[in-house]
Amino acid sequence: MCTGCTAPTHVIVLVSGVHRGVVPPLQYGLSLTSDNIRGLYIDMDAESTERIKTNWAQWGSGVELEILPSPYRSLIRPIREYIHRMEKRSHDDVVTVVLPEFIPNRWWQNVLHNQTALALKTMLLCTRNVVVVSVPYHLDH
């Protein structure tokens, strides 16, 4: 790879809430770019969304938070459509999706808690010009 020959990068940090587990993924995303980064939250409940907006304004490190409605309570479909729209606007740009991934204390708890993350990763890995990065957050006892 030659110096200066990198494709523009857009970073999307998937946000399920504003808590300690979203800080490392956000910091990682900011280490990649400071101007092409945004948080992405899927709105499935108006009350929770208002809480997220308020908390993000305080703890989001100045990163824009984009909120997508999901009237059918689906996570995967709105994210897939959002990335598809991005790809149409910027054909050869790389989109890096930063996925906070909670790591439970015991291995068998992973089966119970990370099915959505696995489905998202599978969908995203099959998408052109998309890089998926999991940032682990280890849950305490």
N, C-alpha and C. Protein backbone atom coordinates (compact mmCIF):
# COMPACT_ATOMS: atom_id res chain seq x y z
N MET A 1 0.85 -1.17 0.00
CA MET A 1 0.00 0.00 0.00
C MET A 1 0.89 1.23 0.00
N CYS A 2 0.60 2.19 -0.86
CA CYS A 2 1.43 3.38 -0.95
C CYS A 2 0.98 4.43 0.06
N THR A 3 1.92 5.28 0.45
CA THR A 3 1.62 6.36 1.39
C THR A 3 0.68 7.35 0.73
N GLY A 4 -0.37 7.72 1.42
CA GLY A 4 -1.33 8.68 0.89
C GLY A 4 -2.37 8.07 -0.03
N CYS A 5 -2.40 6.76 -0.16
CA CYS A 5 -3.35 6.10 -1.08
C CYS A 5 -4.49 5.43 -0.33
N THR A 6 -4.93 6.00 0.74
CA THR A 6 -6.00 5.37 1.50
C THR A 6 -7.35 5.94 1.09
N ALA A 7 -8.37 5.10 1.11
CA ALA A 7 -9.72 5.55 0.81
C ALA A 7 -10.27 6.31 2.01
N PRO A 8 -11.13 7.29 1.75
CA PRO A 8 -11.74 8.00 2.89
C PRO A 8 -12.49 7.01 3.78
N THR A 9 -12.45 7.26 5.05
CA THR A 9 -13.08 6.38 6.02
C THR A 9 -14.20 7.11 6.75
N HIS A 10 -15.31 6.43 6.88
CA HIS A 10 -16.42 6.91 7.69
C HIS A 10 -16.54 5.93 8.85
N VAL A 11 -16.66 6.45 10.05
CA VAL A 11 -16.75 5.59 11.22
C VAL A 11 -18.14 5.74 11.83
N ILE A 12 -18.76 4.60 12.08
CA ILE A 12 -20.06 4.55 12.75
C ILE A 12 -19.88 3.73 14.02
N VAL A 13 -20.19 4.35 15.15
CA VAL A 13 -20.14 3.64 16.43
C VAL A 13 -21.58 3.30 16.79
N LEU A 14 -21.89 2.01 16.84
CA LEU A 14 -23.24 1.60 17.20
C LEU A 14 -23.44 1.80 18.70
N VAL A 15 -24.53 2.43 19.04
CA VAL A 15 -24.80 2.82 20.43
C VAL A 15 -26.10 2.18 20.89
N SER A 16 -26.03 1.42 21.97
CA SER A 16 -27.25 0.84 22.55
C SER A 16 -27.70 1.64 23.76
N GLY A 17 -26.81 2.47 24.26
CA GLY A 17 -27.10 3.31 25.41
C GLY A 17 -25.85 4.09 25.75
N VAL A 18 -25.98 5.02 26.68
CA VAL A 18 -24.81 5.78 27.12
C VAL A 18 -24.42 5.23 28.48
N HIS A 19 -23.30 4.49 28.48
CA HIS A 19 -22.80 3.82 29.68
C HIS A 19 -21.31 3.59 29.50
N ARG A 20 -20.67 3.02 30.49
CA ARG A 20 -19.22 2.80 30.42
C ARG A 20 -18.80 1.95 29.24
N GLY A 21 -19.66 1.06 28.79
CA GLY A 21 -19.32 0.16 27.69
C GLY A 21 -19.24 0.83 26.33
N VAL A 22 -19.75 2.05 26.20
CA VAL A 22 -19.70 2.74 24.91
C VAL A 22 -18.48 3.66 24.82
N VAL A 23 -17.83 3.94 25.94
CA VAL A 23 -16.68 4.86 25.94
C VAL A 23 -15.49 4.30 25.14
N PRO A 24 -15.03 3.05 25.40
CA PRO A 24 -13.90 2.55 24.60
C PRO A 24 -14.18 2.49 23.09
N PRO A 25 -15.36 2.03 22.64
CA PRO A 25 -15.62 2.06 21.19
C PRO A 25 -15.61 3.48 20.62
N LEU A 26 -16.13 4.42 21.37
CA LEU A 26 -16.13 5.81 20.91
C LEU A 26 -14.70 6.34 20.81
N GLN A 27 -13.89 6.05 21.82
CA GLN A 27 -12.48 6.47 21.78
C GLN A 27 -11.74 5.83 20.62
N TYR A 28 -12.03 4.56 20.36
CA TYR A 28 -11.40 3.88 19.24
C TYR A 28 -11.80 4.55 17.92
N GLY A 29 -13.08 4.81 17.77
CA GLY A 29 -13.56 5.48 16.56
C GLY A 29 -12.91 6.84 16.36
N LEU A 30 -12.77 7.59 17.43
CA LEU A 30 -12.12 8.90 17.35
C LEU A 30 -10.64 8.78 17.01
N SER A 31 -10.02 7.65 17.35
CA SER A 31 -8.61 7.47 16.99
C SER A 31 -8.46 7.24 15.48
N LEU A 32 -9.54 6.82 14.81
CA LEU A 32 -9.50 6.61 13.36
C LEU A 32 -9.76 7.89 12.59
N THR A 33 -10.68 8.70 13.09
CA THR A 33 -11.03 9.95 12.43
C THR A 33 -11.75 10.85 13.44
N SER A 34 -11.56 12.13 13.30
CA SER A 34 -12.27 13.04 14.19
C SER A 34 -13.37 13.80 13.47
N ASP A 35 -13.40 13.70 12.14
CA ASP A 35 -14.41 14.47 11.41
C ASP A 35 -15.42 13.62 10.64
N ASN A 36 -15.16 12.34 10.44
CA ASN A 36 -16.11 11.46 9.75
C ASN A 36 -16.60 10.36 10.67
N ILE A 37 -17.02 10.76 11.86
CA ILE A 37 -17.49 9.79 12.85
C ILE A 37 -18.86 10.22 13.35
N ARG A 38 -19.67 9.22 13.61
CA ARG A 38 -20.98 9.48 14.23
C ARG A 38 -21.41 8.28 15.03
N GLY A 39 -22.19 8.55 16.05
CA GLY A 39 -22.83 7.48 16.79
C GLY A 39 -24.13 7.14 16.08
N LEU A 40 -24.55 5.91 16.17
CA LEU A 40 -25.80 5.49 15.53
C LEU A 40 -26.64 4.74 16.55
N TYR A 41 -27.83 5.25 16.79
CA TYR A 41 -28.75 4.66 17.78
C TYR A 41 -30.05 4.32 17.07
N ILE A 42 -30.60 3.16 17.37
CA ILE A 42 -31.88 2.74 16.78
C ILE A 42 -32.98 3.01 17.78
N ASP A 43 -33.92 3.86 17.39
CA ASP A 43 -35.03 4.29 18.24
C ASP A 43 -36.15 3.26 18.22
N MET A 44 -36.30 2.57 19.34
CA MET A 44 -37.40 1.61 19.47
C MET A 44 -38.37 2.02 20.57
N ASP A 45 -38.02 3.10 21.29
CA ASP A 45 -38.83 3.54 22.42
C ASP A 45 -38.55 5.02 22.64
N ALA A 46 -39.57 5.86 22.48
CA ALA A 46 -39.39 7.32 22.55
C ALA A 46 -38.81 7.78 23.87
N GLU A 47 -39.21 7.18 24.97
CA GLU A 47 -38.72 7.58 26.28
C GLU A 47 -37.21 7.29 26.42
N SER A 48 -36.80 6.11 26.01
CA SER A 48 -35.38 5.75 26.06
C SER A 48 -34.56 6.65 25.13
N THR A 49 -35.12 6.96 23.98
CA THR A 49 -34.41 7.79 23.01
C THR A 49 -34.16 9.19 23.57
N GLU A 50 -35.13 9.75 24.25
CA GLU A 50 -34.93 11.08 24.86
C GLU A 50 -33.84 11.04 25.92
N ARG A 51 -33.80 9.97 26.68
CA ARG A 51 -32.75 9.80 27.70
C ARG A 51 -31.37 9.69 27.02
N ILE A 52 -31.31 8.94 25.93
CA ILE A 52 -30.05 8.78 25.19
C ILE A 52 -29.58 10.14 24.67
N LYS A 53 -30.48 10.91 24.08
CA LYS A 53 -30.11 12.22 23.54
C LYS A 53 -29.51 13.11 24.63
N THR A 54 -30.15 13.14 25.78
CA THR A 54 -29.67 13.96 26.89
C THR A 54 -28.29 13.49 27.36
N ASN A 55 -28.14 12.21 27.56
CA ASN A 55 -26.86 11.66 28.04
C ASN A 55 -25.76 11.80 26.99
N TRP A 56 -26.11 11.62 25.72
CA TRP A 56 -25.11 11.72 24.66
C TRP A 56 -24.57 13.15 24.56
N ALA A 57 -25.44 14.13 24.73
CA ALA A 57 -25.00 15.53 24.69
C ALA A 57 -23.92 15.78 25.73
N GLN A 58 -24.00 15.08 26.85
CA GLN A 58 -23.04 15.26 27.93
C GLN A 58 -21.80 14.38 27.76
N TRP A 59 -21.97 13.14 27.31
CA TRP A 59 -20.88 12.17 27.31
C TRP A 59 -20.40 11.73 25.92
N GLY A 60 -20.95 12.26 24.86
CA GLY A 60 -20.64 11.79 23.51
C GLY A 60 -19.40 12.38 22.87
N SER A 61 -18.60 13.11 23.64
CA SER A 61 -17.32 13.66 23.16
C SER A 61 -17.47 14.53 21.91
N GLY A 62 -18.61 15.17 21.75
CA GLY A 62 -18.82 16.05 20.60
C GLY A 62 -19.14 15.33 19.31
N VAL A 63 -19.26 14.01 19.36
CA VAL A 63 -19.59 13.21 18.18
C VAL A 63 -21.10 13.30 17.94
N GLU A 64 -21.47 13.51 16.69
CA GLU A 64 -22.89 13.58 16.34
C GLU A 64 -23.55 12.22 16.58
N LEU A 65 -24.75 12.24 17.11
CA LEU A 65 -25.53 11.01 17.30
C LEU A 65 -26.68 11.03 16.32
N GLU A 66 -26.70 10.06 15.44
CA GLU A 66 -27.79 9.93 14.49
C GLU A 66 -28.76 8.88 15.03
N ILE A 67 -30.03 9.20 14.98
CA ILE A 67 -31.06 8.32 15.53
C ILE A 67 -31.96 7.86 14.39
N LEU A 68 -32.06 6.54 14.25
CA LEU A 68 -32.89 5.96 13.20
C LEU A 68 -34.14 5.35 13.82
N PRO A 69 -35.30 5.66 13.27
CA PRO A 69 -36.52 5.04 13.80
C PRO A 69 -36.61 3.58 13.38
N SER A 70 -37.20 2.77 14.25
CA SER A 70 -37.44 1.38 13.93
C SER A 70 -38.82 1.00 14.46
N PRO A 71 -39.85 1.30 13.70
CA PRO A 71 -41.21 1.03 14.18
C PRO A 71 -41.50 -0.44 14.43
N TYR A 72 -40.71 -1.33 13.81
CA TYR A 72 -40.95 -2.76 13.99
C TYR A 72 -39.94 -3.39 14.94
N ARG A 73 -39.23 -2.55 15.69
CA ARG A 73 -38.28 -2.99 16.72
C ARG A 73 -37.18 -3.88 16.15
N SER A 74 -36.73 -3.56 14.96
CA SER A 74 -35.65 -4.29 14.33
C SER A 74 -34.37 -3.47 14.42
N LEU A 75 -33.26 -4.11 14.73
CA LEU A 75 -31.97 -3.43 14.72
C LEU A 75 -31.27 -3.57 13.37
N ILE A 76 -31.31 -4.75 12.83
CA ILE A 76 -30.52 -5.05 11.65
C ILE A 76 -31.00 -4.30 10.41
N ARG A 77 -32.28 -4.27 10.18
CA ARG A 77 -32.80 -3.64 8.96
C ARG A 77 -32.45 -2.15 8.87
N PRO A 78 -32.70 -1.34 9.92
CA PRO A 78 -32.34 0.09 9.79
C PRO A 78 -30.84 0.31 9.60
N ILE A 79 -30.01 -0.50 10.24
CA ILE A 79 -28.56 -0.36 10.09
C ILE A 79 -28.15 -0.73 8.67
N ARG A 80 -28.68 -1.82 8.15
CA ARG A 80 -28.38 -2.25 6.78
C ARG A 80 -28.79 -1.17 5.78
N GLU A 81 -29.98 -0.61 5.94
CA GLU A 81 -30.46 0.43 5.02
C GLU A 81 -29.61 1.70 5.12
N TYR A 82 -29.21 2.06 6.33
CA TYR A 82 -28.38 3.24 6.55
C TYR A 82 -27.03 3.08 5.85
N ILE A 83 -26.40 1.93 6.01
CA ILE A 83 -25.10 1.69 5.38
C ILE A 83 -25.25 1.62 3.87
N HIS A 84 -26.35 1.06 3.40
CA HIS A 84 -26.59 1.00 1.95
C HIS A 84 -26.70 2.42 1.38
N ARG A 85 -27.39 3.32 2.07
CA ARG A 85 -27.49 4.72 1.62
C ARG A 85 -26.12 5.38 1.62
N MET A 86 -25.31 5.10 2.64
CA MET A 86 -23.95 5.65 2.70
C MET A 86 -23.13 5.17 1.51
N GLU A 87 -23.24 3.91 1.21
CA GLU A 87 -22.47 3.32 0.11
C GLU A 87 -22.86 3.95 -1.23
N LYS A 88 -24.13 4.26 -1.41
CA LYS A 88 -24.58 4.89 -2.66
C LYS A 88 -24.02 6.30 -2.81
N ARG A 89 -23.90 7.03 -1.67
CA ARG A 89 -23.39 8.40 -1.71
C ARG A 89 -21.89 8.45 -1.94
N SER A 90 -21.16 7.52 -1.36
CA SER A 90 -19.70 7.56 -1.45
C SER A 90 -19.20 6.17 -1.83
N HIS A 91 -19.13 5.93 -3.11
CA HIS A 91 -18.94 4.59 -3.69
C HIS A 91 -17.75 3.80 -3.15
N ASP A 92 -16.57 4.37 -3.15
CA ASP A 92 -15.38 3.60 -2.79
C ASP A 92 -14.87 3.89 -1.39
N ASP A 93 -15.61 4.68 -0.63
CA ASP A 93 -15.20 4.97 0.74
C ASP A 93 -15.35 3.73 1.60
N VAL A 94 -14.51 3.63 2.59
CA VAL A 94 -14.58 2.53 3.54
C VAL A 94 -15.43 2.98 4.72
N VAL A 95 -16.34 2.14 5.14
CA VAL A 95 -17.15 2.41 6.32
C VAL A 95 -16.69 1.44 7.41
N THR A 96 -16.25 2.00 8.53
CA THR A 96 -15.84 1.19 9.66
C THR A 96 -16.95 1.23 10.69
N VAL A 97 -17.52 0.09 10.98
CA VAL A 97 -18.57 -0.01 11.98
C VAL A 97 -17.94 -0.53 13.26
N VAL A 98 -18.00 0.30 14.30
CA VAL A 98 -17.43 -0.07 15.59
C VAL A 98 -18.56 -0.60 16.45
N LEU A 99 -18.41 -1.84 16.85
CA LEU A 99 -19.45 -2.55 17.57
C LEU A 99 -19.02 -2.82 19.00
N PRO A 100 -19.63 -2.13 19.98
CA PRO A 100 -19.33 -2.47 21.37
C PRO A 100 -19.79 -3.90 21.64
N GLU A 101 -18.94 -4.69 22.23
CA GLU A 101 -19.31 -6.08 22.49
C GLU A 101 -19.07 -6.40 23.96
N PHE A 102 -20.14 -6.72 24.64
CA PHE A 102 -20.05 -7.02 26.07
C PHE A 102 -19.57 -8.45 26.25
N ILE A 103 -18.56 -8.60 27.08
CA ILE A 103 -17.99 -9.92 27.36
C ILE A 103 -18.39 -10.31 28.78
N PRO A 104 -19.26 -11.30 28.92
CA PRO A 104 -19.70 -11.70 30.25
C PRO A 104 -18.58 -12.45 31.01
N ASN A 105 -18.82 -12.65 32.28
CA ASN A 105 -17.83 -13.29 33.15
C ASN A 105 -17.61 -14.76 32.80
N ARG A 106 -18.63 -15.44 32.36
CA ARG A 106 -18.52 -16.86 32.07
C ARG A 106 -18.80 -17.11 30.59
N TRP A 107 -18.06 -18.01 29.98
CA TRP A 107 -18.17 -18.26 28.55
C TRP A 107 -19.58 -18.62 28.11
N TRP A 108 -20.29 -19.39 28.90
CA TRP A 108 -21.62 -19.84 28.49
C TRP A 108 -22.64 -18.71 28.49
N GLN A 109 -22.37 -17.62 29.20
CA GLN A 109 -23.27 -16.47 29.18
C GLN A 109 -23.23 -15.76 27.83
N ASN A 110 -22.16 -15.97 27.08
CA ASN A 110 -22.03 -15.38 25.75
C ASN A 110 -23.18 -15.82 24.85
N VAL A 111 -23.59 -17.07 24.99
CA VAL A 111 -24.68 -17.61 24.18
C VAL A 111 -25.97 -16.83 24.44
N LEU A 112 -26.16 -16.39 25.67
CA LEU A 112 -27.38 -15.68 26.03
C LEU A 112 -27.37 -14.21 25.61
N HIS A 113 -26.19 -13.59 25.57
CA HIS A 113 -26.13 -12.14 25.46
C HIS A 113 -25.66 -11.58 24.13
N ASN A 114 -24.97 -12.30 23.31
CA ASN A 114 -24.36 -11.70 22.14
C ASN A 114 -24.95 -12.16 20.81
N GLN A 115 -26.18 -12.63 20.79
CA GLN A 115 -26.78 -13.09 19.55
C GLN A 115 -27.03 -11.95 18.57
N THR A 116 -27.45 -10.80 19.08
CA THR A 116 -27.68 -9.64 18.21
C THR A 116 -26.37 -9.18 17.60
N ALA A 117 -25.31 -9.12 18.40
CA ALA A 117 -24.00 -8.73 17.88
C ALA A 117 -23.54 -9.69 16.78
N LEU A 118 -23.76 -10.97 16.98
CA LEU A 118 -23.37 -11.97 15.98
C LEU A 118 -24.16 -11.78 14.68
N ALA A 119 -25.45 -11.55 14.78
CA ALA A 119 -26.28 -11.32 13.59
C ALA A 119 -25.85 -10.05 12.86
N LEU A 120 -25.56 -8.99 13.62
CA LEU A 120 -25.09 -7.74 13.01
C LEU A 120 -23.76 -7.94 12.29
N LYS A 121 -22.83 -8.61 12.95
CA LYS A 121 -21.52 -8.87 12.34
C LYS A 121 -21.67 -9.66 11.05
N THR A 122 -22.49 -10.68 11.06
CA THR A 122 -22.68 -11.51 9.88
C THR A 122 -23.22 -10.68 8.72
N MET A 123 -24.21 -9.83 9.00
CA MET A 123 -24.77 -8.98 7.96
C MET A 123 -23.74 -7.98 7.45
N LEU A 124 -22.99 -7.37 8.36
CA LEU A 124 -22.04 -6.33 7.98
C LEU A 124 -20.83 -6.91 7.22
N LEU A 125 -20.40 -8.10 7.60
CA LEU A 125 -19.25 -8.72 6.93
C LEU A 125 -19.56 -9.07 5.48
N CYS A 126 -20.83 -9.16 5.14
CA CYS A 126 -21.23 -9.47 3.77
C CYS A 126 -21.52 -8.20 2.97
N THR A 127 -21.16 -7.05 3.51
CA THR A 127 -21.44 -5.78 2.87
C THR A 127 -20.14 -5.19 2.32
N ARG A 128 -20.19 -4.79 1.07
CA ARG A 128 -19.02 -4.25 0.36
C ARG A 128 -18.48 -3.00 1.05
N ASN A 129 -17.17 -2.88 1.14
CA ASN A 129 -16.46 -1.71 1.70
C ASN A 129 -16.79 -1.43 3.16
N VAL A 130 -17.18 -2.45 3.88
CA VAL A 130 -17.47 -2.28 5.31
C VAL A 130 -16.48 -3.11 6.12
N VAL A 131 -15.90 -2.46 7.11
CA VAL A 131 -15.01 -3.12 8.06
C VAL A 131 -15.73 -3.14 9.40
N VAL A 132 -15.74 -4.27 10.05
CA VAL A 132 -16.41 -4.40 11.35
C VAL A 132 -15.34 -4.58 12.42
N VAL A 133 -15.42 -3.75 13.45
CA VAL A 133 -14.47 -3.82 14.56
C VAL A 133 -15.27 -4.02 15.84
N SER A 134 -14.98 -5.10 16.54
CA SER A 134 -15.60 -5.32 17.85
C SER A 134 -14.66 -4.79 18.92
N VAL A 135 -15.20 -3.97 19.80
CA VAL A 135 -14.42 -3.47 20.93
C VAL A 135 -15.00 -4.10 22.18
N PRO A 136 -14.25 -4.99 22.81
CA PRO A 136 -14.80 -5.70 23.97
C PRO A 136 -14.91 -4.82 25.21
N TYR A 137 -15.97 -5.09 25.97
CA TYR A 137 -16.15 -4.46 27.27
C TYR A 137 -16.44 -5.60 28.25
N HIS A 138 -15.50 -5.84 29.15
CA HIS A 138 -15.64 -6.96 30.08
C HIS A 138 -16.54 -6.56 31.25
N LEU A 139 -17.60 -7.33 31.43
CA LEU A 139 -18.52 -7.08 32.53
C LEU A 139 -17.90 -7.54 33.83
N ASP A 140 -18.03 -6.73 34.85
CA ASP A 140 -17.51 -7.08 36.17
C ASP A 140 -18.45 -8.05 36.86
N HIS A 141 -17.94 -8.68 37.89
CA HIS A 141 -18.75 -9.65 38.67
C HIS A 141 -19.98 -9.01 39.19
